[in-house]
C-alpha atoms as a PDB file:
ATOM      1  CA  MET A   1      79.424 119.783 119.653  1.00  0.00           C
ATOM      2  CA  THR A   2      79.264 116.409 121.406  1.00  0.00           C
ATOM      3  CA  VAL A   3      81.362 113.657 119.847  1.00  0.00           C
ATOM      4  CA  ASN A   4      79.239 110.642 118.875  1.00  0.00           C
ATOM      5  CA  ALA A   5      81.468 108.479 116.650  1.00  0.00           C
ATOM      6  CA  LEU A   6      84.872 106.857 116.868  1.00  0.00           C
ATOM      7  CA  VAL A   7      86.411 105.914 113.522  1.00  0.00           C
ATOM      8  CA  PHE A   8      89.538 103.785 113.553  1.00  0.00           C
ATOM      9  CA  ASP A   9      92.420 102.947 111.286  1.00  0.00           C
ATOM     10  CA  MET A  10      93.067  99.185 111.255  1.00  0.00           C
ATOM     11  CA  ASP A  11      96.755  98.283 110.799  1.00  0.00           C
ATOM     12  CA  ASP A  12      98.734  98.851 114.033  1.00  0.00           C
ATOM     13  CA  THR A  13      95.671 100.527 115.533  1.00  0.00           C
ATOM     14  CA  LEU A  14      93.299  97.621 116.146  1.00  0.00           C
ATOM     15  CA  TYR A  15      95.770  94.763 115.692  1.00  0.00           C
ATOM     16  CA  GLU A  16      99.553  94.430 115.461  1.00  0.00           C
ATOM     17  CA  GLU A  17     100.664  94.654 111.842  1.00  0.00           C
ATOM     18  CA  LYS A  18     103.760  92.571 112.545  1.00  0.00           C
ATOM     19  CA  ASP A  19     101.397  89.679 113.288  1.00  0.00           C
ATOM     20  CA  TYR A  20     100.009  90.036 109.771  1.00  0.00           C
ATOM     21  CA  VAL A  21     103.538  89.996 108.342  1.00  0.00           C
ATOM     22  CA  ARG A  22     104.326  86.820 110.259  1.00  0.00           C
ATOM     23  CA  SER A  23     101.061  85.251 109.118  1.00  0.00           C
ATOM     24  CA  GLY A  24     101.770  86.123 105.482  1.00  0.00           C
ATOM     25  CA  PHE A  25     105.321  84.775 105.589  1.00  0.00           C
ATOM     26  CA  LYS A  26     104.027  81.512 107.075  1.00  0.00           C
ATOM     27  CA  ALA A  27     101.498  81.176 104.243  1.00  0.00           C
ATOM     28  CA  ILE A  28     104.239  81.644 101.655  1.00  0.00           C
ATOM     29  CA  ASP A  29     106.502  79.256 103.566  1.00  0.00           C
ATOM     30  CA  ARG A  30     103.883  76.516 103.216  1.00  0.00           C
ATOM     31  CA  TRP A  31     103.483  77.229  99.500  1.00  0.00           C
ATOM     32  CA  ILE A  32     107.277  77.231  98.881  1.00  0.00           C
ATOM     33  CA  ASN A  33     107.559  73.946 100.725  1.00  0.00           C
ATOM     34  CA  ARG A  34     104.847  72.378  98.553  1.00  0.00           C
ATOM     35  CA  GLU A  35     106.191  73.752  95.263  1.00  0.00           C
ATOM     36  CA  PHE A  36     109.947  73.403  95.812  1.00  0.00           C
ATOM     37  CA  ASN A  37     110.265  71.073  98.810  1.00  0.00           C
ATOM     38  CA  ILE A  38     112.399  73.767 100.437  1.00  0.00           C
ATOM     39  CA  THR A  39     112.025  74.952 104.036  1.00  0.00           C
ATOM     40  CA  GLY A  40     113.180  78.129 105.709  1.00  0.00           C
ATOM     41  CA  PHE A  41     111.263  80.850 103.873  1.00  0.00           C
ATOM     42  CA  TYR A  42     109.466  82.027 107.002  1.00  0.00           C
ATOM     43  CA  GLU A  43     112.575  82.283 109.176  1.00  0.00           C
ATOM     44  CA  THR A  44     114.649  83.909 106.420  1.00  0.00           C
ATOM     45  CA  ALA A  45     112.025  86.475 105.431  1.00  0.00           C
ATOM     46  CA  LEU A  46     111.304  87.324 109.053  1.00  0.00           C
ATOM     47  CA  ASP A  47     115.012  87.819 109.751  1.00  0.00           C
ATOM     48  CA  LEU A  48     115.249  90.231 106.814  1.00  0.00           C
ATOM     49  CA  PHE A  49     112.094  92.060 107.920  1.00  0.00           C
ATOM     50  CA  PHE A  50     113.270  92.597 111.493  1.00  0.00           C
ATOM     51  CA  SER A  51     116.696  93.692 110.275  1.00  0.00           C
ATOM     52  CA  GLY A  52     114.984  96.613 108.542  1.00  0.00           C
ATOM     53  CA  GLU A  53     114.448  95.298 105.018  1.00  0.00           C
ATOM     54  CA  THR A  54     111.209  96.569 103.497  1.00  0.00           C
ATOM     55  CA  LYS A  55     111.827  96.430  99.727  1.00  0.00           C
ATOM     56  CA  PHE A  56     112.241  93.306  97.601  1.00  0.00           C
ATOM     57  CA  ILE A  57     112.080  91.124 100.685  1.00  0.00           C
ATOM     58  CA  PHE A  58     110.690  88.163  98.725  1.00  0.00           C
ATOM     59  CA  ASN A  59     113.470  88.448  96.128  1.00  0.00           C
ATOM     60  CA  LYS A  60     116.156  88.612  98.812  1.00  0.00           C
ATOM     61  CA  THR A  61     114.677  85.678 100.686  1.00  0.00           C
ATOM     62  CA  LEU A  62     114.655  83.515  97.556  1.00  0.00           C
ATOM     63  CA  VAL A  63     118.303  84.435  96.873  1.00  0.00           C
ATOM     64  CA  ARG A  64     119.274  83.334 100.380  1.00  0.00           C
ATOM     65  CA  LEU A  65     117.431  80.058  99.825  1.00  0.00           C
ATOM     66  CA  ASN A  66     119.111  79.544  96.423  1.00  0.00           C
ATOM     67  CA  ILE A  67     115.769  79.496  94.627  1.00  0.00           C
ATOM     68  CA  THR A  68     115.872  80.749  91.046  1.00  0.00           C
ATOM     69  CA  TYR A  69     113.021  83.159  90.449  1.00  0.00           C
ATOM     70  CA  ASP A  70     111.432  85.362  87.804  1.00  0.00           C
ATOM     71  CA  ASP A  71     108.748  88.051  87.839  1.00  0.00           C
ATOM     72  CA  THR A  72     106.007  85.427  87.635  1.00  0.00           C
ATOM     73  CA  LEU A  73     107.178  83.696  90.808  1.00  0.00           C
ATOM     74  CA  ILE A  74     107.432  87.004  92.676  1.00  0.00           C
ATOM     75  CA  LYS A  75     103.914  87.907  91.575  1.00  0.00           C
ATOM     76  CA  ASN A  76     102.673  84.529  92.825  1.00  0.00           C
ATOM     77  CA  LEU A  77     104.270  85.162  96.212  1.00  0.00           C
ATOM     78  CA  VAL A  78     102.754  88.639  96.445  1.00  0.00           C
ATOM     79  CA  ASP A  79      99.336  87.236  95.514  1.00  0.00           C
ATOM     80  CA  HIS A  80      99.642  84.484  98.144  1.00  0.00           C
ATOM     81  CA  TYR A  81     100.681  87.044 100.745  1.00  0.00           C
ATOM     82  CA  ARG A  82      97.773  89.385 100.081  1.00  0.00           C
ATOM     83  CA  SER A  83      95.116  86.703  99.685  1.00  0.00           C
ATOM     84  CA  HIS A  84      96.045  84.422 102.595  1.00  0.00           C
ATOM     85  CA  GLU A  85      93.700  83.975 105.562  1.00  0.00           C
ATOM     86  CA  PRO A  86      95.482  86.049 108.223  1.00  0.00           C
ATOM     87  CA  ASP A  87      96.101  84.778 111.736  1.00  0.00           C
ATOM     88  CA  ILE A  88      95.534  88.092 113.525  1.00  0.00           C
ATOM     89  CA  HIS A  89      93.607  89.199 116.595  1.00  0.00           C
ATOM     90  CA  LEU A  90      92.367  92.434 118.108  1.00  0.00           C
ATOM     91  CA  LEU A  91      94.846  93.944 120.518  1.00  0.00           C
ATOM     92  CA  GLU A  92      93.772  93.823 124.152  1.00  0.00           C
ATOM     93  CA  ASP A  93      93.129  97.564 124.375  1.00  0.00           C
ATOM     94  CA  ALA A  94      91.125  97.520 121.123  1.00  0.00           C
ATOM     95  CA  LYS A  95      88.949  94.717 122.476  1.00  0.00           C
ATOM     96  CA  TRP A  96      88.494  96.660 125.717  1.00  0.00           C
ATOM     97  CA  ILE A  97      87.331  99.762 123.849  1.00  0.00           C
ATOM     98  CA  LEU A  98      84.746  97.871 121.817  1.00  0.00           C
ATOM     99  CA  GLU A  99      83.432  96.163 124.952  1.00  0.00           C
ATOM    100  CA  ASN A 100      83.143  99.357 126.996  1.00  0.00           C
ATOM    101  CA  LEU A 101      81.645 101.886 124.593  1.00  0.00           C
ATOM    102  CA  ARG A 102      78.034 102.864 125.143  1.00  0.00           C
ATOM    103  CA  ASP A 103      75.549 101.365 122.698  1.00  0.00           C
ATOM    104  CA  THR A 104      74.755 104.855 121.406  1.00  0.00           C
ATOM    105  CA  VAL A 105      78.296 105.398 120.096  1.00  0.00           C
ATOM    106  CA  LYS A 106      78.759 104.794 116.392  1.00  0.00           C
ATOM    107  CA  ILE A 107      81.931 102.992 115.317  1.00  0.00           C
ATOM    108  CA  GLY A 108      83.649 103.203 111.951  1.00  0.00           C
ATOM    109  CA  LEU A 109      86.750 102.072 110.083  1.00  0.00           C
ATOM    110  CA  ILE A 110      88.810 103.769 107.363  1.00  0.00           C
ATOM    111  CA  SER A 111      91.710 101.643 106.167  1.00  0.00           C
ATOM    112  CA  ASP A 112      94.163 101.825 103.279  1.00  0.00           C
ATOM    113  CA  GLY A 113      95.779  98.839 101.626  1.00  0.00           C
ATOM    114  CA  TYR A 114      95.165  96.407  98.785  1.00  0.00           C
ATOM    115  CA  LEU A 115      91.504  95.447  98.868  1.00  0.00           C
ATOM    116  CA  VAL A 116      91.811  91.664  98.983  1.00  0.00           C
ATOM    117  CA  ALA A 117      94.209  91.847 101.940  1.00  0.00           C
ATOM    118  CA  GLN A 118      92.159  94.415 103.856  1.00  0.00           C
ATOM    119  CA  GLU A 119      88.956  92.436 103.351  1.00  0.00           C
ATOM    120  CA  LYS A 120      90.670  89.332 104.742  1.00  0.00           C
ATOM    121  CA  LYS A 121      91.808  91.317 107.794  1.00  0.00           C
ATOM    122  CA  VAL A 122      88.333  92.744 108.419  1.00  0.00           C
ATOM    123  CA  ASN A 123      86.872  89.242 108.268  1.00  0.00           C
ATOM    124  CA  ALA A 124      89.562  87.783 110.556  1.00  0.00           C
ATOM    125  CA  LEU A 125      88.924  90.507 113.142  1.00  0.00           C
ATOM    126  CA  LYS A 126      85.121  90.191 112.727  1.00  0.00           C
ATOM    127  CA  LEU A 127      84.789  93.952 112.362  1.00  0.00           C
ATOM    128  CA  HIS A 128      81.593  93.860 110.298  1.00  0.00           C
ATOM    129  CA  GLU A 129      79.854  92.501 113.400  1.00  0.00           C
ATOM    130  CA  LYS A 130      80.871  95.511 115.482  1.00  0.00           C
ATOM    131  CA  PHE A 131      81.222  98.500 113.129  1.00  0.00           C
ATOM    132  CA  HIS A 132      78.505 100.711 111.666  1.00  0.00           C
ATOM    133  CA  SER A 133      80.717 101.795 108.757  1.00  0.00           C
ATOM    134  CA  VAL A 134      83.645  99.970 107.152  1.00  0.00           C
ATOM    135  CA  ILE A 135      85.461 101.901 104.431  1.00  0.00           C
ATOM    136  CA  LEU A 136      88.325 100.162 102.647  1.00  0.00           C
ATOM    137  CA  THR A 137      89.722 102.946 100.508  1.00  0.00           C
ATOM    138  CA  ASP A 138      91.066 100.669  97.773  1.00  0.00           C
ATOM    139  CA  ARG A 139      87.458  99.910  96.882  1.00  0.00           C
ATOM    140  CA  LEU A 140      87.111 103.602  95.962  1.00  0.00           C
ATOM    141  CA  GLY A 141      90.385 103.666  94.021  1.00  0.00           C
ATOM    142  CA  ARG A 142      94.038 104.172  94.860  1.00  0.00           C
ATOM    143  CA  GLU A 143      93.671 107.940  94.417  1.00  0.00           C
ATOM    144  CA  TYR A 144      91.245 107.909  97.366  1.00  0.00           C
ATOM    145  CA  TRP A 145      93.637 106.365  99.859  1.00  0.00           C
ATOM    146  CA  LYS A 146      94.411 108.601 102.820  1.00  0.00           C
ATOM    147  CA  PRO A 147      95.129 111.511 103.012  1.00  0.00           C
ATOM    148  CA  SER A 148      92.259 111.952 100.533  1.00  0.00           C
ATOM    149  CA  HIS A 149      89.250 113.640 102.131  1.00  0.00           C
ATOM    150  CA  ILE A 150      86.807 111.356 100.302  1.00  0.00           C
ATOM    151  CA  PRO A 151      86.785 108.400 102.756  1.00  0.00           C
ATOM    152  CA  TYR A 152      86.195 110.728 105.714  1.00  0.00           C
ATOM    153  CA  GLU A 153      83.265 112.338 103.931  1.00  0.00           C
ATOM    154  CA  GLN A 154      81.848 108.902 103.136  1.00  0.00           C
ATOM    155  CA  ALA A 155      82.213 107.849 106.772  1.00  0.00           C
ATOM    156  CA  SER A 156      80.356 110.955 107.900  1.00  0.00           C
ATOM    157  CA  ARG A 157      77.507 110.111 105.527  1.00  0.00           C
ATOM    158  CA  GLU A 158      77.338 106.441 106.491  1.00  0.00           C
ATOM    159  CA  LEU A 159      77.406 107.256 110.211  1.00  0.00           C
ATOM    160  CA  GLN A 160      74.847 110.025 109.624  1.00  0.00           C
ATOM    161  CA  LEU A 161      76.850 112.464 111.714  1.00  0.00           C
ATOM    162  CA  PRO A 162      78.493 115.811 110.921  1.00  0.00           C
ATOM    163  CA  HIS A 163      82.280 115.971 110.814  1.00  0.00           C
ATOM    164  CA  ASP A 164      82.595 117.755 114.149  1.00  0.00           C
ATOM    165  CA  GLN A 165      80.936 114.797 115.897  1.00  0.00           C
ATOM    166  CA  CYS A 166      83.529 112.343 114.558  1.00  0.00           C
ATOM    167  CA  VAL A 167      86.926 111.283 115.888  1.00  0.00           C
ATOM    168  CA  TYR A 168      89.601 109.519 113.839  1.00  0.00           C
ATOM    169  CA  ILE A 169      92.167 107.321 115.591  1.00  0.00           C
ATOM    170  CA  GLY A 170      95.196 106.096 113.643  1.00  0.00           C
ATOM    171  CA  ASP A 171      98.925 105.521 113.866  1.00  0.00           C
ATOM    172  CA  ASN A 172     100.481 107.087 110.743  1.00  0.00           C
ATOM    173  CA  ILE A 173     100.903 110.853 111.066  1.00  0.00           C
ATOM    174  CA  LYS A 174     101.978 111.148 107.437  1.00  0.00           C
ATOM    175  CA  LYS A 175      98.486 110.368 106.133  1.00  0.00           C
ATOM    176  CA  ASP A 176      95.884 109.643 108.807  1.00  0.00           C
ATOM    177  CA  PHE A 177      95.001 113.075 110.164  1.00  0.00           C
ATOM    178  CA  LEU A 178      95.511 115.806 107.562  1.00  0.00           C
ATOM    179  CA  ALA A 179      92.173 115.528 105.734  1.00  0.00           C
ATOM    180  CA  ALA A 180      90.227 114.694 108.891  1.00  0.00           C
ATOM    181  CA  LYS A 181      91.475 117.837 110.617  1.00  0.00           C
ATOM    182  CA  ARG A 182      90.595 120.003 107.631  1.00  0.00           C
ATOM    183  CA  LEU A 183      87.042 118.638 107.693  1.00  0.00           C
ATOM    184  CA  GLY A 184      86.644 119.386 111.389  1.00  0.00           C
ATOM    185  CA  TRP A 185      87.205 115.942 112.904  1.00  0.00           C
ATOM    186  CA  THR A 186      89.014 115.444 116.201  1.00  0.00           C
ATOM    187  CA  THR A 187      92.141 113.371 115.546  1.00  0.00           C
ATOM    188  CA  ILE A 188      94.075 111.057 117.860  1.00  0.00           C
ATOM    189  CA  GLN A 189      97.363 109.286 117.185  1.00  0.00           C
ATOM    190  CA  ILE A 190      97.893 105.901 118.803  1.00  0.00           C
ATOM    191  CA  ASP A 191     101.679 105.669 119.187  1.00  0.00           C
ATOM    192  CA  ARG A 192     102.431 101.997 119.608  1.00  0.00           C
ATOM    193  CA  LYS A 193     106.122 101.663 120.403  1.00  0.00           C
ATOM    194  CA  ASP A 194     106.486  98.515 118.281  1.00  0.00           C
ATOM    195  CA  GLY A 195     104.332  99.863 115.458  1.00  0.00           C
ATOM    196  CA  LEU A 196     105.687 100.185 111.932  1.00  0.00           C
ATOM    197  CA  TYR A 197     105.165 103.975 111.974  1.00  0.00           C
ATOM    198  CA  SER A 198     106.253 104.713 115.520  1.00  0.00           C
ATOM    199  CA  GLY A 199     108.735 107.557 115.829  1.00  0.00           C
ATOM    200  CA  ILE A 200     108.236 109.103 112.387  1.00  0.00           C
ATOM    201  CA  SER A 201     107.975 112.885 112.107  1.00  0.00           C
ATOM    202  CA  ALA A 202     105.801 115.163 110.004  1.00  0.00           C
ATOM    203  CA  GLU A 203     104.862 118.817 109.631  1.00  0.00           C
ATOM    204  CA  HIS A 204     102.410 120.309 112.111  1.00  0.00           C
ATOM    205  CA  ASP A 205      99.372 120.095 109.797  1.00  0.00           C
ATOM    206  CA  TYR A 206      99.795 116.322 109.616  1.00  0.00           C
ATOM    207  CA  LYS A 207      99.905 115.768 113.373  1.00  0.00           C
ATOM    208  CA  ALA A 208      96.908 114.686 115.421  1.00  0.00           C
ATOM    209  CA  HIS A 209      95.239 116.830 118.063  1.00  0.00           C
ATOM    210  CA  PHE A 210      96.088 114.248 120.730  1.00  0.00           C
ATOM    211  CA  THR A 211      98.590 111.395 121.145  1.00  0.00           C
ATOM    212  CA  ILE A 212      98.007 108.301 123.272  1.00  0.00           C
ATOM    213  CA  ASP A 213      99.930 105.049 123.735  1.00  0.00           C
ATOM    214  CA  SER A 214      96.914 102.846 124.552  1.00  0.00           C
ATOM    215  CA  LEU A 215      93.381 102.929 123.228  1.00  0.00           C
ATOM    216  CA  LYS A 216      92.205 102.698 126.839  1.00  0.00           C
ATOM    217  CA  ASP A 217      93.431 106.286 127.211  1.00  0.00           C
ATOM    218  CA  LEU A 218      90.508 107.394 125.036  1.00  0.00           C
ATOM    219  CA  SER A 219      88.265 107.056 128.077  1.00  0.00           C
ATOM    220  CA  ASP A 220      90.380 109.630 129.941  1.00  0.00           C
ATOM    221  CA  LEU A 221      90.004 112.381 127.329  1.00  0.00           C
ATOM    222  CA  PRO A 222      87.463 114.928 128.634  1.00  0.00           C
ATOM    223  CA  ASN A 223      85.511 115.194 125.373  1.00  0.00           C
ATOM    224  CA  LEU A 224      85.201 111.392 125.082  1.00  0.00           C
ATOM    225  CA  LYS A 225      84.335 110.363 128.660  1.00  0.00           C
ATOM    226  CA  HIS A 226      80.607 110.370 127.903  1.00  0.00           C
ATOM    227  CA  MET A 227      81.124 107.574 125.337  1.00  0.00           C
ATOM    228  CA  PHE A 228      82.054 104.962 127.902  1.00  0.00           C
ATOM    229  CA  ALA A 229      79.657 102.834 129.921  1.00  0.00           C
ATOM    230  CA  TYR A 230      81.087 103.304 133.419  1.00  0.00           C
END
């Protein structure tokens, strides 16, 4: 069966997620400066993040800045982080793909994450202008985040194509490919060396059919060559 749709993950597939982290920390930095007249949140949080901290990073940053906090303040920071207008851009290879696909190819998105944040990202990247189907799984409910099969089935319906004509491209082998493979999709892992999920391992069933390190490599795969306008 000829493949007729490419469906993408968003974070670390179409843009660099670390850019979103930086953007969010800057938004909080501005808010902290207004509320407490204290600078340094951005630099401190970013230092913790790149040293490997992933849990309670806001709490630890406030401790380093000698800011007394409670649960309400932490919730405010989380809300500011998720609802800020992100300063993010499509990666060069993602832009290239969207510019070089034939007009007949259908394009979709399936992305996990808190709805308000994912909607802001979609708007910042102007994906609604380019994509035939945009599925933010949090709109369906947390139980339908990947690896649930539900978003893939919805994408198939919205694109009006059977599963075996769809390809899913993502970066996280622990959740992106399991359900898609079981439904008959072709799956492709984009392994970005600086990505948040680069280098993780998983059982065979969770792995993609193919692995690439640039989205431009999609045009070299034999079963996808017909999708490109050159």
